[in-house]
C-alpha atoms as a PDB file:
ATOM      1  CA  MET A   1      -0.421  -0.023  -0.180  1.00  0.00           C
ATOM      2  CA  THR A   2       1.570   3.491  -1.177  1.00  0.00           C
ATOM      3  CA  ARG A   3       0.469   6.258   0.513  1.00  0.00           C
ATOM      4  CA  THR A   4       0.783  10.327  -1.526  1.00  0.00           C
ATOM      5  CA  SER A   5       1.016  13.638  -0.072  1.00  0.00           C
ATOM      6  CA  SER A   6       0.164  15.586  -3.288  1.00  0.00           C
ATOM      7  CA  LEU A   7      -2.704  17.602  -2.913  1.00  0.00           C
ATOM      8  CA  PRO A   8      -6.062  17.478  -5.354  1.00  0.00           C
ATOM      9  CA  ARG A   9      -5.798  19.312  -8.453  1.00  0.00           C
ATOM     10  CA  PHE A  10      -8.821  22.117  -8.135  1.00  0.00           C
ATOM     11  CA  ILE A  11      -6.805  23.234  -4.786  1.00  0.00           C
ATOM     12  CA  ARG A  12      -3.434  23.801  -6.626  1.00  0.00           C
ATOM     13  CA  VAL A  13      -5.253  25.432  -9.386  1.00  0.00           C
ATOM     14  CA  SER A  14      -7.047  27.407  -6.398  1.00  0.00           C
ATOM     15  CA  ALA A  15      -3.677  28.551  -4.796  1.00  0.00           C
ATOM     16  CA  LEU A  16      -1.887  29.450  -8.184  1.00  0.00           C
ATOM     17  CA  SER A  17      -5.013  31.817  -8.830  1.00  0.00           C
ATOM     18  CA  ALA A  18      -5.167  33.623  -5.310  1.00  0.00           C
ATOM     19  CA  LEU A  19      -1.046  33.881  -5.775  1.00  0.00           C
ATOM     20  CA  ALA A  20      -1.549  35.652  -8.976  1.00  0.00           C
ATOM     21  CA  LEU A  21      -4.662  37.867  -7.431  1.00  0.00           C
ATOM     22  CA  ALA A  22      -1.976  38.726  -4.812  1.00  0.00           C
ATOM     23  CA  ALA A  23       1.099  39.685  -7.365  1.00  0.00           C
ATOM     24  CA  THR A  24      -1.307  41.844  -9.373  1.00  0.00           C
ATOM     25  CA  ALA A  25      -2.526  43.853  -5.457  1.00  0.00           C
ATOM     26  CA  LEU A  26       1.396  44.369  -5.612  1.00  0.00           C
ATOM     27  CA  GLY A  27       1.963  45.736  -8.903  1.00  0.00           C
ATOM     28  CA  GLY A  28      -1.026  48.257  -9.078  1.00  0.00           C
ATOM     29  CA  CYS A  29      -4.271  49.473  -6.847  1.00  0.00           C
ATOM     30  CA  VAL A  30      -7.401  47.610  -7.082  1.00  0.00           C
ATOM     31  CA  SER A  31     -10.674  48.419  -6.101  1.00  0.00           C
ATOM     32  CA  THR A  32     -12.670  47.254  -2.421  1.00  0.00           C
ATOM     33  CA  GLU A  33     -14.609  44.713  -5.085  1.00  0.00           C
ATOM     34  CA  GLN A  34     -11.504  43.359  -6.093  1.00  0.00           C
ATOM     35  CA  TYR A  35     -10.046  42.947  -3.290  1.00  0.00           C
ATOM     36  CA  ASN A  36     -12.767  40.835  -1.420  1.00  0.00           C
ATOM     37  CA  ALA A  37     -12.957  39.103  -4.478  1.00  0.00           C
ATOM     38  CA  MET A  38      -8.910  37.846  -4.281  1.00  0.00           C
ATOM     39  CA  LYS A  39      -9.157  37.541  -0.331  1.00  0.00           C
ATOM     40  CA  LEU A  40     -12.612  35.615  -0.761  1.00  0.00           C
ATOM     41  CA  ASN A  41     -10.274  32.884  -3.124  1.00  0.00           C
ATOM     42  CA  ARG A  42      -7.758  32.559  -1.107  1.00  0.00           C
ATOM     43  CA  ASP A  43      -9.826  31.490   2.145  1.00  0.00           C
ATOM     44  CA  GLU A  44     -11.515  28.854  -0.471  1.00  0.00           C
ATOM     45  CA  ALA A  45      -8.057  27.449  -1.220  1.00  0.00           C
ATOM     46  CA  VAL A  46      -7.587  27.568   2.646  1.00  0.00           C
ATOM     47  CA  ALA A  47      -9.795  26.242   3.778  1.00  0.00           C
ATOM     48  CA  GLN A  48      -9.346  23.232   0.735  1.00  0.00           C
ATOM     49  CA  LEU A  49      -6.006  23.173   2.216  1.00  0.00           C
ATOM     50  CA  ASN A  50      -6.831  22.177   5.733  1.00  0.00           C
ATOM     51  CA  GLN A  51     -10.054  19.500   4.771  1.00  0.00           C
ATOM     52  CA  ALA A  52      -7.424  18.006   2.762  1.00  0.00           C
ATOM     53  CA  GLN A  53      -4.866  17.849   5.117  1.00  0.00           C
ATOM     54  CA  GLN A  54      -7.287  16.380   7.282  1.00  0.00           C
ATOM     55  CA  GLN A  55      -8.330  13.195   4.647  1.00  0.00           C
ATOM     56  CA  ALA A  56      -4.757  12.921   4.215  1.00  0.00           C
ATOM     57  CA  SER A  57      -4.121  12.610   8.226  1.00  0.00           C
ATOM     58  CA  THR A  58      -7.137  10.248   8.316  1.00  0.00           C
ATOM     59  CA  ALA A  59      -6.214   8.457   5.498  1.00  0.00           C
ATOM     60  CA  THR A  60      -2.328   7.802   7.612  1.00  0.00           C
ATOM     61  CA  ALA A  61      -4.487   6.791  10.836  1.00  0.00           C
ATOM     62  CA  GLN A  62      -6.815   4.250   8.748  1.00  0.00           C
ATOM     63  CA  TYR A  63      -3.340   2.456   6.972  1.00  0.00           C
ATOM     64  CA  ASP A  64      -1.741   2.276  10.586  1.00  0.00           C
ATOM     65  CA  VAL A  65      -4.657   0.303  12.332  1.00  0.00           C
ATOM     66  CA  VAL A  66      -4.718  -1.775   9.059  1.00  0.00           C
ATOM     67  CA  LYS A  67      -1.347  -2.005   9.167  1.00  0.00           C
ATOM     68  CA  HIS A  68      -1.243  -3.108  12.761  1.00  0.00           C
ATOM     69  CA  GLN A  69      -3.495  -5.743  12.463  1.00  0.00           C
ATOM     70  CA  LEU A  70      -2.148  -7.821   9.585  1.00  0.00           C
ATOM     71  CA  ASP A  71       1.277  -8.033  11.732  1.00  0.00           C
ATOM     72  CA  ALA A  72      -0.353  -8.703  14.709  1.00  0.00           C
ATOM     73  CA  PHE A  73      -3.026 -11.911  12.389  1.00  0.00           C
ATOM     74  CA  ARG A  74       0.630 -12.622  11.039  1.00  0.00           C
ATOM     75  CA  GLY A  75       2.247 -12.811  14.086  1.00  0.00           C
ATOM     76  CA  SER A  76      -0.532 -15.027  16.186  1.00  0.00           C
ATOM     77  CA  THR A  77      -0.423 -18.166  12.844  1.00  0.00           C
ATOM     78  CA  ASP A  78       2.631 -19.707  14.669  1.00  0.00           C
ATOM     79  CA  THR A  79       0.332 -19.669  18.270  1.00  0.00           C
ATOM     80  CA  LYS A  80      -2.834 -20.783  16.660  1.00  0.00           C
ATOM     81  CA  GLU A  81      -1.349 -23.131  14.734  1.00  0.00           C
ATOM     82  CA  ALA A  82       0.660 -24.631  18.198  1.00  0.00           C
ATOM     83  CA  LEU A  83      -2.640 -24.529  20.120  1.00  0.00           C
ATOM     84  CA  ILE A  84      -4.425 -26.601  17.478  1.00  0.00           C
ATOM     85  CA  ASN A  85      -1.556 -29.123  17.656  1.00  0.00           C
ATOM     86  CA  ASN A  86      -1.362 -29.280  21.403  1.00  0.00           C
ATOM     87  CA  GLN A  87      -5.211 -29.498  21.534  1.00  0.00           C
ATOM     88  CA  THR A  88      -5.122 -32.850  19.122  1.00  0.00           C
ATOM     89  CA  ALA A  89      -2.450 -34.401  20.940  1.00  0.00           C
ATOM     90  CA  THR A  90      -4.774 -33.890  24.173  1.00  0.00           C
ATOM     91  CA  ILE A  91      -7.794 -35.332  22.353  1.00  0.00           C
ATOM     92  CA  ALA A  92      -6.114 -38.065  21.146  1.00  0.00           C
ATOM     93  CA  ASP A  93      -4.838 -39.150  24.710  1.00  0.00           C
ATOM     94  CA  LEU A  94      -8.377 -38.215  25.629  1.00  0.00           C
ATOM     95  CA  GLN A  95      -9.263 -40.621  23.257  1.00  0.00           C
ATOM     96  CA  HIS A  96      -6.553 -43.569  24.433  1.00  0.00           C
ATOM     97  CA  GLN A  97      -8.029 -43.068  28.265  1.00  0.00           C
ATOM     98  CA  LEU A  98     -11.395 -43.935  27.316  1.00  0.00           C
ATOM     99  CA  GLN A  99     -10.045 -46.981  25.014  1.00  0.00           C
ATOM    100  CA  ASP A 100      -8.807 -48.039  27.968  1.00  0.00           C
ATOM    101  CA  LEU A 101     -11.710 -46.966  30.531  1.00  0.00           C
ATOM    102  CA  ASN A 102     -14.058 -49.435  27.952  1.00  0.00           C
ATOM    103  CA  ALA A 103     -11.947 -52.064  27.964  1.00  0.00           C
ATOM    104  CA  GLN A 104     -12.079 -52.852  31.553  1.00  0.00           C
ATOM    105  CA  TYR A 105     -15.703 -51.715  31.566  1.00  0.00           C
ATOM    106  CA  GLN A 106     -16.169 -54.726  29.302  1.00  0.00           C
ATOM    107  CA  ASN A 107     -13.965 -56.832  30.677  1.00  0.00           C
ATOM    108  CA  ALA A 108     -15.906 -56.401  34.412  1.00  0.00           C
ATOM    109  CA  ILE A 109     -19.050 -56.748  33.208  1.00  0.00           C
ATOM    110  CA  SER A 110     -18.068 -59.870  30.595  1.00  0.00           C
ATOM    111  CA  VAL A 111     -15.444 -61.993  31.410  1.00  0.00           C
ATOM    112  CA  ALA A 112     -16.268 -61.699  35.111  1.00  0.00           C
ATOM    113  CA  GLY A 113     -19.523 -62.620  34.231  1.00  0.00           C
ATOM    114  CA  LYS A 114     -19.051 -65.837  32.548  1.00  0.00           C
ATOM    115  CA  ALA A 115     -20.933 -68.578  33.681  1.00  0.00           C
ATOM    116  CA  GLY A 116     -19.484 -70.553  36.903  1.00  0.00           C
ATOM    117  CA  SER A 117     -17.121 -67.838  37.330  1.00  0.00           C
ATOM    118  CA  THR A 118     -16.518 -66.122  41.260  1.00  0.00           C
ATOM    119  CA  PRO A 119     -15.591 -62.546  40.572  1.00  0.00           C
ATOM    120  CA  LEU A 120     -15.418 -61.895  44.799  1.00  0.00           C
ATOM    121  CA  PRO A 121     -14.691 -63.732  47.729  1.00  0.00           C
ATOM    122  CA  ALA A 122     -17.790 -65.216  49.288  1.00  0.00           C
ATOM    123  CA  PRO A 123     -17.451 -63.582  52.639  1.00  0.00           C
ATOM    124  CA  LEU A 124     -17.412 -60.033  50.009  1.00  0.00           C
ATOM    125  CA  THR A 125     -20.211 -61.225  47.986  1.00  0.00           C
ATOM    126  CA  ASN A 126     -22.209 -61.605  51.371  1.00  0.00           C
ATOM    127  CA  GLU A 127     -21.792 -58.800  52.802  1.00  0.00           C
ATOM    128  CA  LEU A 128     -22.303 -56.348  49.737  1.00  0.00           C
ATOM    129  CA  THR A 129     -25.920 -59.098  49.265  1.00  0.00           C
ATOM    130  CA  ILE A 130     -26.867 -58.159  52.541  1.00  0.00           C
ATOM    131  CA  LEU A 131     -26.462 -54.168  52.018  1.00  0.00           C
ATOM    132  CA  ALA A 132     -28.424 -54.593  49.210  1.00  0.00           C
ATOM    133  CA  GLU A 133     -31.096 -56.517  51.162  1.00  0.00           C
ATOM    134  CA  GLN A 134     -31.541 -53.815  54.284  1.00  0.00           C
ATOM    135  CA  ASN A 135     -31.338 -50.647  51.043  1.00  0.00           C
ATOM    136  CA  PRO A 136     -33.702 -52.112  48.097  1.00  0.00           C
ATOM    137  CA  GLY A 137     -34.951 -49.002  47.161  1.00  0.00           C
ATOM    138  CA  LEU A 138     -31.496 -47.421  46.923  1.00  0.00           C
ATOM    139  CA  VAL A 139     -29.121 -49.936  45.811  1.00  0.00           C
ATOM    140  CA  ASP A 140     -28.734 -53.229  44.017  1.00  0.00           C
ATOM    141  CA  PHE A 141     -25.833 -55.863  44.115  1.00  0.00           C
ATOM    142  CA  ASP A 142     -25.174 -58.052  41.176  1.00  0.00           C
ATOM    143  CA  SER A 143     -23.099 -60.935  42.618  1.00  0.00           C
ATOM    144  CA  ALA A 144     -21.896 -62.103  39.664  1.00  0.00           C
ATOM    145  CA  ARG A 145     -20.786 -59.591  38.117  1.00  0.00           C
ATOM    146  CA  GLY A 146     -19.029 -57.755  41.568  1.00  0.00           C
ATOM    147  CA  MET A 147     -21.306 -54.692  40.355  1.00  0.00           C
ATOM    148  CA  ILE A 148     -22.953 -51.928  42.843  1.00  0.00           C
ATOM    149  CA  LYS A 149     -25.771 -50.165  41.040  1.00  0.00           C
ATOM    150  CA  PHE A 150     -26.861 -47.397  42.845  1.00  0.00           C
ATOM    151  CA  LYS A 151     -29.822 -46.099  41.715  1.00  0.00           C
ATOM    152  CA  SER A 152     -29.981 -42.431  40.447  1.00  0.00           C
ATOM    153  CA  ASP A 153     -33.309 -40.836  41.408  1.00  0.00           C
ATOM    154  CA  VAL A 154     -32.689 -41.780  45.143  1.00  0.00           C
ATOM    155  CA  THR A 155     -29.031 -40.492  44.943  1.00  0.00           C
ATOM    156  CA  PHE A 156     -29.192 -37.850  43.438  1.00  0.00           C
ATOM    157  CA  PRO A 157     -31.973 -34.689  42.642  1.00  0.00           C
ATOM    158  CA  ALA A 158     -33.031 -34.541  39.182  1.00  0.00           C
ATOM    159  CA  GLY A 159     -30.940 -33.013  36.998  1.00  0.00           C
ATOM    160  CA  SER A 160     -28.198 -32.681  39.724  1.00  0.00           C
ATOM    161  CA  ALA A 161     -24.773 -34.572  40.110  1.00  0.00           C
ATOM    162  CA  GLU A 162     -25.015 -33.927  44.518  1.00  0.00           C
ATOM    163  CA  VAL A 163     -25.411 -37.098  45.982  1.00  0.00           C
ATOM    164  CA  THR A 164     -28.840 -36.664  48.544  1.00  0.00           C
ATOM    165  CA  ASP A 165     -28.615 -36.594  52.115  1.00  0.00           C
ATOM    166  CA  THR A 166     -30.795 -40.296  51.774  1.00  0.00           C
ATOM    167  CA  ALA A 167     -28.103 -42.077  49.750  1.00  0.00           C
ATOM    168  CA  LYS A 168     -24.833 -40.801  51.265  1.00  0.00           C
ATOM    169  CA  PRO A 169     -25.289 -42.960  54.542  1.00  0.00           C
ATOM    170  CA  VAL A 170     -25.277 -46.365  52.512  1.00  0.00           C
ATOM    171  CA  ILE A 171     -22.015 -44.789  50.311  1.00  0.00           C
ATOM    172  CA  ASP A 172     -20.643 -44.504  53.983  1.00  0.00           C
ATOM    173  CA  LYS A 173     -21.275 -48.615  54.216  1.00  0.00           C
ATOM    174  CA  VAL A 174     -20.308 -49.123  51.317  1.00  0.00           C
ATOM    175  CA  ALA A 175     -17.158 -47.480  51.510  1.00  0.00           C
ATOM    176  CA  GLN A 176     -16.606 -49.471  55.037  1.00  0.00           C
ATOM    177  CA  ILE A 177     -17.086 -52.860  52.983  1.00  0.00           C
ATOM    178  CA  LEU A 178     -14.790 -51.619  50.383  1.00  0.00           C
ATOM    179  CA  ASN A 179     -12.168 -50.462  52.867  1.00  0.00           C
ATOM    180  CA  GLY A 180     -12.842 -54.239  55.164  1.00  0.00           C
ATOM    181  CA  PRO A 181      -9.956 -56.991  54.617  1.00  0.00           C
ATOM    182  CA  ASN A 182     -12.608 -58.814  52.537  1.00  0.00           C
ATOM    183  CA  ALA A 183     -12.128 -55.522  49.205  1.00  0.00           C
ATOM    184  CA  SER A 184      -9.319 -53.509  50.246  1.00  0.00           C
ATOM    185  CA  GLN A 185      -6.990 -55.033  47.640  1.00  0.00           C
ATOM    186  CA  PHE A 186      -9.475 -54.263  44.905  1.00  0.00           C
ATOM    187  CA  ASP A 187      -9.631 -51.325  42.353  1.00  0.00           C
ATOM    188  CA  LEU A 188     -12.785 -49.776  41.689  1.00  0.00           C
ATOM    189  CA  MET A 189     -14.423 -48.146  38.878  1.00  0.00           C
ATOM    190  CA  VAL A 190     -17.445 -45.664  39.129  1.00  0.00           C
ATOM    191  CA  VAL A 191     -19.230 -45.677  35.915  1.00  0.00           C
ATOM    192  CA  GLY A 192     -22.159 -43.293  35.444  1.00  0.00           C
ATOM    193  CA  HIS A 193     -25.172 -43.869  32.979  1.00  0.00           C
ATOM    194  CA  THR A 194     -28.649 -42.132  31.856  1.00  0.00           C
ATOM    195  CA  ASP A 195     -31.431 -42.172  30.047  1.00  0.00           C
ATOM    196  CA  SER A 196     -32.160 -41.210  26.536  1.00  0.00           C
ATOM    197  CA  GLN A 197     -33.961 -38.391  27.699  1.00  0.00           C
ATOM    198  CA  PRO A 198     -31.985 -35.029  26.610  1.00  0.00           C
ATOM    199  CA  VAL A 199     -30.820 -32.244  28.963  1.00  0.00           C
ATOM    200  CA  SER A 200     -32.811 -29.045  28.108  1.00  0.00           C
ATOM    201  CA  ASN A 201     -33.372 -27.676  31.536  1.00  0.00           C
ATOM    202  CA  PRO A 202     -31.160 -24.692  31.732  1.00  0.00           C
ATOM    203  CA  THR A 203     -30.805 -24.858  35.708  1.00  0.00           C
ATOM    204  CA  THR A 204     -29.232 -28.122  35.037  1.00  0.00           C
ATOM    205  CA  ILE A 205     -26.975 -26.848  32.111  1.00  0.00           C
ATOM    206  CA  LYS A 206     -25.882 -23.946  34.193  1.00  0.00           C
ATOM    207  CA  LEU A 207     -24.640 -26.275  36.809  1.00  0.00           C
ATOM    208  CA  GLY A 208     -22.144 -27.875  34.163  1.00  0.00           C
ATOM    209  CA  ASN A 209     -24.230 -31.083  32.960  1.00  0.00           C
ATOM    210  CA  ARG A 210     -24.914 -29.638  29.526  1.00  0.00           C
ATOM    211  CA  ASP A 211     -25.584 -32.595  28.209  1.00  0.00           C
ATOM    212  CA  ASN A 212     -26.021 -37.074  29.424  1.00  0.00           C
ATOM    213  CA  TRP A 213     -22.436 -36.834  28.704  1.00  0.00           C
ATOM    214  CA  TYR A 214     -21.287 -34.467  31.123  1.00  0.00           C
ATOM    215  CA  LEU A 215     -24.257 -35.943  33.781  1.00  0.00           C
ATOM    216  CA  SER A 216     -22.974 -39.332  33.935  1.00  0.00           C
ATOM    217  CA  VAL A 217     -19.726 -38.429  34.613  1.00  0.00           C
ATOM    218  CA  HIS A 218     -20.239 -36.233  37.364  1.00  0.00           C
ATOM    219  CA  ARG A 219     -22.634 -38.285  38.684  1.00  0.00           C
ATOM    220  CA  ALA A 220     -19.752 -40.402  39.272  1.00  0.00           C
ATOM    221  CA  ILE A 221     -17.367 -38.383  40.793  1.00  0.00           C
ATOM    222  CA  GLY A 222     -20.194 -37.458  42.747  1.00  0.00           C
ATOM    223  CA  VAL A 223     -20.205 -41.225  44.562  1.00  0.00           C
ATOM    224  CA  SER A 224     -16.635 -41.557  44.155  1.00  0.00           C
ATOM    225  CA  LYS A 225     -15.982 -38.105  46.126  1.00  0.00           C
ATOM    226  CA  GLU A 226     -18.328 -39.455  48.784  1.00  0.00           C
ATOM    227  CA  LEU A 227     -16.334 -43.071  48.865  1.00  0.00           C
ATOM    228  CA  GLN A 228     -13.139 -41.024  49.215  1.00  0.00           C
ATOM    229  CA  LEU A 229     -14.530 -39.087  51.921  1.00  0.00           C
ATOM    230  CA  LYS A 230     -14.498 -42.223  53.483  1.00  0.00           C
ATOM    231  CA  ASN A 231     -11.123 -43.590  53.052  1.00  0.00           C
ATOM    232  CA  ILE A 232     -11.381 -45.022  49.780  1.00  0.00           C
ATOM    233  CA  SER A 233      -8.012 -44.193  48.110  1.00  0.00           C
ATOM    234  CA  PRO A 234      -8.335 -42.598  45.119  1.00  0.00           C
ATOM    235  CA  SER A 235      -5.765 -44.526  43.844  1.00  0.00           C
ATOM    236  CA  ARG A 236      -7.816 -47.323  43.521  1.00  0.00           C
ATOM    237  CA  ILE A 237     -10.888 -45.237  41.586  1.00  0.00           C
ATOM    238  CA  GLU A 238     -11.293 -45.082  37.916  1.00  0.00           C
ATOM    239  CA  VAL A 239     -14.104 -42.774  36.784  1.00  0.00           C
ATOM    240  CA  ALA A 240     -16.196 -42.842  33.145  1.00  0.00           C
ATOM    241  CA  GLY A 241     -19.549 -41.766  32.044  1.00  0.00           C
ATOM    242  CA  TYR A 242     -21.142 -43.680  29.209  1.00  0.00           C
ATOM    243  CA  ALA A 243     -24.628 -41.148  28.921  1.00  0.00           C
ATOM    244  CA  ASP A 244     -27.071 -43.176  26.819  1.00  0.00           C
ATOM    245  CA  GLN A 245     -25.012 -45.011  25.573  1.00  0.00           C
ATOM    246  CA  ARG A 246     -25.482 -48.586  27.868  1.00  0.00           C
ATOM    247  CA  PRO A 247     -28.891 -49.056  28.878  1.00  0.00           C
ATOM    248  CA  LEU A 248     -30.315 -51.969  30.993  1.00  0.00           C
ATOM    249  CA  VAL A 249     -33.310 -51.479  29.392  1.00  0.00           C
ATOM    250  CA  ALA A 250     -35.038 -50.051  26.128  1.00  0.00           C
ATOM    251  CA  ASN A 251     -35.621 -45.818  26.934  1.00  0.00           C
ATOM    252  CA  ASP A 252     -39.909 -46.662  26.214  1.00  0.00           C
ATOM    253  CA  SER A 253     -41.139 -45.959  29.801  1.00  0.00           C
ATOM    254  CA  GLU A 254     -40.803 -44.330  32.396  1.00  0.00           C
ATOM    255  CA  ALA A 255     -39.697 -47.204  34.448  1.00  0.00           C
ATOM    256  CA  ASN A 256     -37.127 -48.301  32.540  1.00  0.00           C
ATOM    257  CA  LYS A 257     -36.514 -44.513  32.228  1.00  0.00           C
ATOM    258  CA  ALA A 258     -35.698 -45.230  35.990  1.00  0.00           C
ATOM    259  CA  LYS A 259     -33.497 -48.132  35.634  1.00  0.00           C
ATOM    260  CA  ASN A 260     -31.509 -46.852  33.578  1.00  0.00           C
ATOM    261  CA  ARG A 261     -30.255 -43.896  35.318  1.00  0.00           C
ATOM    262  CA  ARG A 262     -27.522 -45.595  37.573  1.00  0.00           C
ATOM    263  CA  VAL A 263     -23.933 -45.358  39.038  1.00  0.00           C
ATOM    264  CA  GLU A 264     -22.583 -48.489  38.707  1.00  0.00           C
ATOM    265  CA  VAL A 265     -19.694 -49.252  41.259  1.00  0.00           C
ATOM    266  CA  LEU A 266     -18.012 -52.487  39.689  1.00  0.00           C
ATOM    267  CA  ILE A 267     -15.343 -54.612  42.071  1.00  0.00           C
ATOM    268  CA  LEU A 268     -12.317 -55.572  39.837  1.00  0.00           C
ATOM    269  CA  PRO A 269     -11.188 -59.162  40.878  1.00  0.00           C
ATOM    270  CA  THR A 270      -7.267 -57.945  38.541  1.00  0.00           C
ATOM    271  CA  THR A 271      -5.942 -55.019  40.117  1.00  0.00           C
ATOM    272  CA  HIS A 272      -2.404 -53.436  40.513  1.00  0.00           C
ATOM    273  CA  HIS A 273      -2.299 -55.249  43.859  1.00  0.00           C
ATOM    274  CA  ALA A 274      -1.100 -58.177  44.685  1.00  0.00           C
ATOM    275  CA  PRO A 275      -3.446 -60.598  44.823  1.00  0.00           C
ATOM    276  CA  MET A 276      -5.157 -61.268  49.127  1.00  0.00           C
ATOM    277  CA  ALA A 277      -4.074 -64.693  48.711  1.00  0.00           C
ATOM    278  CA  GLU A 278      -0.196 -64.410  47.556  1.00  0.00           C
ATOM    279  CA  ALA A 279      -0.104 -61.631  49.719  1.00  0.00           C
ATOM    280  CA  SER A 280       2.733 -63.074  53.058  1.00  0.00           C
ATOM    281  CA  PRO A 281       1.700 -62.838  57.047  1.00  0.00           C
ATOM    282  CA  ALA A 282       3.854 -59.688  57.011  1.00  0.00           C
ATOM    283  CA  ALA A 283       2.210 -58.160  54.079  1.00  0.00           C
ATOM    284  CA  ALA A 284      -1.533 -59.195  55.765  1.00  0.00           C
ATOM    285  CA  ALA A 285      -0.313 -57.662  58.999  1.00  0.00           C
ATOM    286  CA  ILE A 286      -0.148 -54.155  57.405  1.00  0.00           C
ATOM    287  CA  PRO A 287      -2.705 -52.042  57.738  1.00  0.00           C
ATOM    288  CA  ALA A 288      -5.186 -51.344  54.976  1.00  0.00           C
ATOM    289  CA  SER A 289      -4.801 -47.569  55.172  1.00  0.00           C
ATOM    290  CA  GLU A 290      -0.561 -47.848  54.537  1.00  0.00           C
ATOM    291  CA  LYS A 291      -0.909 -50.467  52.082  1.00  0.00           C
ATOM    292  CA  ALA A 292      -2.801 -47.304  50.011  1.00  0.00           C
ATOM    293  CA  ALA A 293      -0.207 -44.878  50.324  1.00  0.00           C
ATOM    294  CA  ALA A 294       2.143 -47.412  48.827  1.00  0.00           C
ATOM    295  CA  LYS A 295       0.264 -47.936  46.019  1.00  0.00           C
ATOM    296  CA  PRO A 296       0.928 -45.722  42.755  1.00  0.00           C
ATOM    297  CA  VAL A 297      -1.318 -43.056  41.966  1.00  0.00           C
ATOM    298  CA  ALA A 298      -3.574 -43.730  39.222  1.00  0.00           C
ATOM    299  CA  ARG A 299      -4.199 -41.394  36.018  1.00  0.00           C
ATOM    300  CA  GLU A 300      -7.659 -39.443  36.681  1.00  0.00           C
ATOM    301  CA  ALA A 301     -10.300 -40.031  34.575  1.00  0.00           C
ATOM    302  CA  ASN A 302     -12.031 -36.798  34.290  1.00  0.00           C
ATOM    303  CA  LYS A 303     -10.546 -33.047  35.483  1.00  0.00           C
ATOM    304  CA  ASP A 304     -14.490 -31.992  35.835  1.00  0.00           C
ATOM    305  CA  THR A 305     -15.804 -31.261  39.167  1.00  0.00           C
ATOM    306  CA  VAL A 306     -19.359 -32.226  41.293  1.00  0.00           C
ATOM    307  CA  ALA A 307     -22.210 -29.425  39.999  1.00  0.00           C
ATOM    308  CA  PRO A 308     -23.559 -27.958  43.294  1.00  0.00           C
ATOM    309  CA  ARG A 309     -27.061 -29.162  44.226  1.00  0.00           C
ATOM    310  CA  VAL A 310     -30.445 -27.170  43.496  1.00  0.00           C
ATOM    311  CA  PRO A 311     -33.477 -28.833  44.542  1.00  0.00           C
ATOM    312  CA  ASP A 312     -36.186 -30.249  42.184  1.00  0.00           C
ATOM    313  CA  SER A 313     -33.762 -29.424  39.342  1.00  0.00           C
ATOM    314  CA  ASN A 314     -35.112 -30.679  36.341  1.00  0.00           C
ATOM    315  CA  LYS A 315     -33.519 -32.838  33.193  1.00  0.00           C
END
């Protein structure tokens, strides 16, 4: 872009005319009318000159602004490319984590549930069976798969991921069992599920539950946080959410939708920890809290926080 400071042709002509008139005035006497006419022409030329200077200044300022914007855009290109590359790498890592979680989930609910298999020790199965029988409206226990299922309609308010006061005592009892001698060597996978109804309530969305994926993960996090408050080591816990993608039954009635809204706690018989049967007498004497402290910290599966509770907020 090239700037020019040359004045418009009509301004130059007017200025020359003014000079010519001034020269005539110096060469001899002129009438008052001629003088006034010369002065008027001069004033018009000065006004035109000032206007041209203002226009030139405005054009220069606009040029500088555009040039600055272009320079800034060129300078940000590398930063934007680096950001895109970083986001691409992050997405790939999250996809890898999701594949790992899917593999573990499928292993826990299918391989462990093969006919004739006993995924958990009998004493642990008995404890969890009794707990489920004592709290039938809140929790189920699938002994074939080693899976505790919390019913979301009692565990959470509608559209919320904060655990209700009704559910907390039962989760506390589950934590006591899972920290006991029959289960402390096992890892846990906490998995959230929803029904197929889309999230549409503005209050629910404002809480961070933008769709069923967010809601399912946040509810799994809510249960895992309650377990951690009761001294379940976070190194034993993985968290996942499947939205409405893993229904137990078809979402064709309100009763069936209620069955699909759940948070599962899978007790994984294959863990990173030494199996109880292979533990030495000295190792068996170590308190469970010290064992948990010595375990490697597992990769966090989700960084979201639990959304605050809003009573009676609908999905």
